[in-house]
Amino acid sequence: QAGCPMMRTGLRMTSPMRNQVLAGRDAPLGEIDLAAVNIQRGRDVGLRLYMDYGLPRRSSGIGRTTSALRRLYANREDVDLYAGMLTERAVSGGLVGPTAAEIIADQFRNLKVADIFFYENNVQGTQGFNEGELAEIRKMTLARLVCSNTEGMLTRDVPRQQKKMTDVVGN
C-alpha cells in the first residue's frame, strides 16, 4: 500500500508472509510457509547452491549467517540460493544483496537482448531508431506515459478506486 514503509530484506519474514500469502479463503492446504516453498521451488527447478553462483565470497554475506541458518545447514557450502541471498546486505541504493541484484540485472539484460522488438535493437533487414530518436524516447518517463494515455481519468477518482481494492486475498 502507498505510504507504508518498506521492511528491510533479511532472514525474517512476517507471519502473514510465512503463513498466509498462498492461503485462500478456502485453502485446502491451510497455512503455507512461503520461505520453505521458495527454497523447495529452487531445488525443484535445479538452482545451484548459493556458493556456486560464482560471485566473490563476501564476509558481509553468508559469513554473517544467523545461528538459525547454521542449525539448518551443516556446511555453509550447502546453503540454498534463496536462503543465502536473504543473508546479504543490500547493495548501495538497492533493496537486495549483490547476488540477487546480479541475477535480476542478468535477467533484464537477457530479455532486452533477446527481444527483437525492443526499441533499441536493430533487427537485420530493418531500420531501427537513429540516435536522435533514441535520445527523445529516453526522455520519456513512466509518469508522462501514463498521463498521456489516460485521457479523461481524474486524479480524484484514484482514491475511490483504491478503497474498492482493500481485500488482501482478492488482490
Protein backbone atom coordinates (compact mmCIF):
# COMPACT_ATOMS: atom_id res chain seq x y z
CA GLN A 1 0.00 0.00 0.00
CA ALA A 2 1.12 3.52 -0.68
CA GLY A 3 2.55 5.29 2.33
CA CYS A 4 3.59 2.11 4.14
CA PRO A 5 7.30 1.96 4.98
CA MET A 6 9.08 -0.99 3.42
CA MET A 7 10.85 -3.51 5.61
CA ARG A 8 14.50 -4.36 5.05
CA THR A 9 15.38 -7.58 3.26
CA GLY A 10 16.58 -10.26 5.64
CA LEU A 11 16.10 -13.70 7.07
CA ARG A 12 12.95 -12.78 8.96
CA MET A 13 9.53 -12.89 7.32
CA THR A 14 6.35 -11.57 8.83
CA SER A 15 3.82 -14.14 9.95
CA PRO A 16 1.41 -13.33 7.08
CA MET A 17 4.24 -13.74 4.55
CA ARG A 18 5.21 -17.06 6.09
CA ASN A 19 1.78 -18.46 6.72
CA GLN A 20 -0.93 -16.73 4.71
CA VAL A 21 0.37 -15.46 1.38
CA LEU A 22 -0.51 -18.64 -0.51
CA ALA A 23 -3.63 -19.50 1.50
CA GLY A 24 -7.00 -18.52 0.09
CA ARG A 25 -10.28 -18.30 1.94
CA ASP A 26 -10.99 -21.98 1.37
CA ALA A 27 -7.41 -23.18 1.01
CA PRO A 28 -7.32 -26.94 1.43
CA LEU A 29 -3.66 -26.78 2.42
CA GLY A 30 -4.14 -24.33 5.27
CA GLU A 31 -1.07 -22.33 6.16
CA ILE A 32 1.86 -22.48 3.75
CA ASP A 33 5.37 -21.27 4.60
CA LEU A 34 6.43 -19.05 1.68
CA ALA A 35 10.14 -19.22 2.55
CA ALA A 36 10.03 -23.03 2.56
CA VAL A 37 8.11 -23.00 -0.73
CA ASN A 38 10.71 -20.70 -2.31
CA ILE A 39 13.59 -22.90 -1.16
CA GLN A 40 11.86 -26.05 -2.41
CA ARG A 41 10.96 -24.35 -5.70
CA GLY A 42 14.65 -23.58 -6.22
CA ARG A 43 15.54 -27.20 -5.58
CA ASP A 44 12.76 -28.44 -7.89
CA VAL A 45 14.00 -26.40 -10.84
CA GLY A 46 17.63 -27.27 -10.20
CA LEU A 47 19.02 -23.95 -9.00
CA ARG A 48 22.58 -24.25 -7.86
CA LEU A 49 23.52 -23.64 -4.25
CA TYR A 50 24.28 -20.12 -3.09
CA MET A 51 28.06 -20.58 -3.06
CA ASP A 52 28.01 -22.00 -6.61
CA TYR A 53 26.93 -18.75 -8.23
CA GLY A 54 30.49 -17.63 -8.83
CA LEU A 55 30.23 -14.22 -7.23
CA PRO A 56 33.08 -13.34 -4.88
CA ARG A 57 32.51 -14.67 -1.40
CA ARG A 58 31.64 -11.79 0.82
CA SER A 59 32.23 -11.52 4.52
CA SER A 60 29.04 -9.45 4.65
CA GLY A 61 27.05 -12.27 3.07
CA ILE A 62 26.93 -15.87 4.12
CA GLY A 63 29.65 -15.29 6.71
CA ARG A 64 27.20 -13.41 8.91
CA THR A 65 24.63 -16.18 8.97
CA THR A 66 22.43 -16.42 11.97
CA SER A 67 22.54 -19.28 14.41
CA ALA A 68 19.22 -20.46 12.94
CA LEU A 69 20.78 -20.77 9.49
CA ARG A 70 23.78 -22.56 10.97
CA ARG A 71 21.41 -25.10 12.56
CA LEU A 72 19.68 -25.72 9.22
CA TYR A 73 22.83 -26.24 7.16
CA ALA A 74 25.69 -28.37 8.44
CA ASN A 75 28.07 -26.76 5.94
CA ARG A 76 27.90 -23.24 4.54
CA GLU A 77 28.61 -24.74 1.11
CA ASP A 78 25.14 -26.38 1.28
CA VAL A 79 23.10 -23.18 1.72
CA ASP A 80 20.27 -22.83 -0.80
CA LEU A 81 20.32 -19.83 -3.13
CA TYR A 82 17.20 -18.20 -1.68
CA ALA A 83 18.37 -18.50 1.93
CA GLY A 84 21.86 -17.29 1.03
CA MET A 85 20.55 -14.24 -0.84
CA LEU A 86 18.50 -13.25 2.21
CA THR A 87 21.66 -13.08 4.34
CA GLU A 88 23.28 -10.44 2.12
CA ARG A 89 23.23 -6.75 2.88
CA ALA A 90 21.53 -4.65 0.22
CA VAL A 91 23.76 -3.09 -2.41
CA SER A 92 24.22 0.66 -2.16
CA GLY A 93 20.98 2.33 -3.22
CA GLY A 94 19.27 -1.04 -3.68
CA LEU A 95 16.79 -3.30 -1.96
CA VAL A 96 18.52 -6.65 -2.48
CA GLY A 97 22.01 -8.00 -1.97
CA PRO A 98 24.67 -8.37 -4.65
CA THR A 99 23.72 -11.90 -5.71
CA ALA A 100 20.04 -11.11 -6.24
CA ALA A 101 20.98 -7.80 -7.90
CA GLU A 102 23.27 -9.60 -10.36
CA ILE A 103 20.64 -12.27 -11.13
CA ILE A 104 17.94 -9.64 -11.70
CA ALA A 105 20.23 -7.49 -13.87
CA ASP A 106 21.26 -10.54 -15.89
CA GLN A 107 17.61 -11.49 -16.47
CA PHE A 108 16.70 -7.99 -17.67
CA ARG A 109 19.77 -7.90 -19.91
CA ASN A 110 18.82 -11.26 -21.45
CA LEU A 111 15.22 -10.19 -22.01
CA LYS A 112 16.31 -6.93 -23.65
CA VAL A 113 18.84 -8.53 -25.98
CA ALA A 114 16.54 -11.41 -26.95
CA ASP A 115 13.54 -9.18 -27.75
CA ILE A 116 13.71 -8.30 -31.45
CA PHE A 117 11.01 -5.68 -30.88
CA PHE A 118 12.86 -3.86 -28.08
CA TYR A 119 13.14 -0.29 -29.29
CA GLU A 120 16.96 -0.16 -29.06
CA ASN A 121 17.53 -3.37 -31.04
CA ASN A 122 18.12 -3.08 -34.77
CA VAL A 123 16.95 -6.26 -36.40
CA GLN A 124 18.83 -7.21 -39.55
CA GLY A 125 16.91 -6.01 -42.58
CA THR A 126 15.01 -3.30 -40.70
CA GLN A 127 15.71 0.31 -39.95
CA GLY A 128 15.69 0.96 -36.20
CA PHE A 129 15.60 4.30 -34.47
CA ASN A 130 18.52 6.66 -35.08
CA GLU A 131 20.45 8.19 -32.16
CA GLY A 132 18.34 11.36 -32.13
CA GLU A 133 15.12 9.37 -31.98
CA LEU A 134 16.53 7.15 -29.23
CA ALA A 135 17.54 10.24 -27.25
CA GLU A 136 13.96 11.54 -27.44
CA ILE A 137 12.49 8.17 -26.42
CA ARG A 138 14.83 8.02 -23.42
CA LYS A 139 13.46 11.35 -22.18
CA MET A 140 10.03 9.75 -21.66
CA THR A 141 9.13 8.94 -18.07
CA LEU A 142 6.60 6.40 -16.87
CA ALA A 143 4.57 9.23 -15.34
CA ARG A 144 4.43 11.07 -18.68
CA LEU A 145 3.48 7.85 -20.47
CA VAL A 146 0.61 7.18 -18.05
CA CYS A 147 -0.65 10.75 -18.15
CA SER A 148 -0.51 10.84 -21.94
CA ASN A 149 -2.53 7.65 -22.24
CA THR A 150 -5.20 8.06 -19.57
CA GLU A 151 -7.23 10.89 -21.07
CA GLY A 152 -10.30 11.70 -19.02
CA MET A 153 -9.15 9.91 -15.90
CA LEU A 154 -9.37 12.29 -12.99
CA THR A 155 -6.85 12.00 -10.17
CA ARG A 156 -9.69 12.40 -7.65
CA ASP A 157 -11.07 9.06 -8.88
CA VAL A 158 -7.93 7.16 -7.92
CA PRO A 159 -8.50 7.16 -4.13
CA ARG A 160 -12.07 5.91 -4.62
CA GLN A 161 -10.82 3.03 -6.74
CA GLN A 162 -8.14 2.18 -4.18
CA LYS A 163 -10.77 1.83 -1.43
CA LYS A 164 -12.56 -0.77 -3.50
CA MET A 165 -9.42 -2.97 -3.56
CA THR A 166 -8.67 -3.38 0.15
CA ASP A 167 -9.35 -7.13 0.25
CA VAL A 168 -5.89 -8.64 0.62
CA VAL A 169 -6.98 -12.11 -0.53
CA GLY A 170 -8.83 -10.70 -3.56
CA ASN A 171 -5.93 -8.57 -4.70
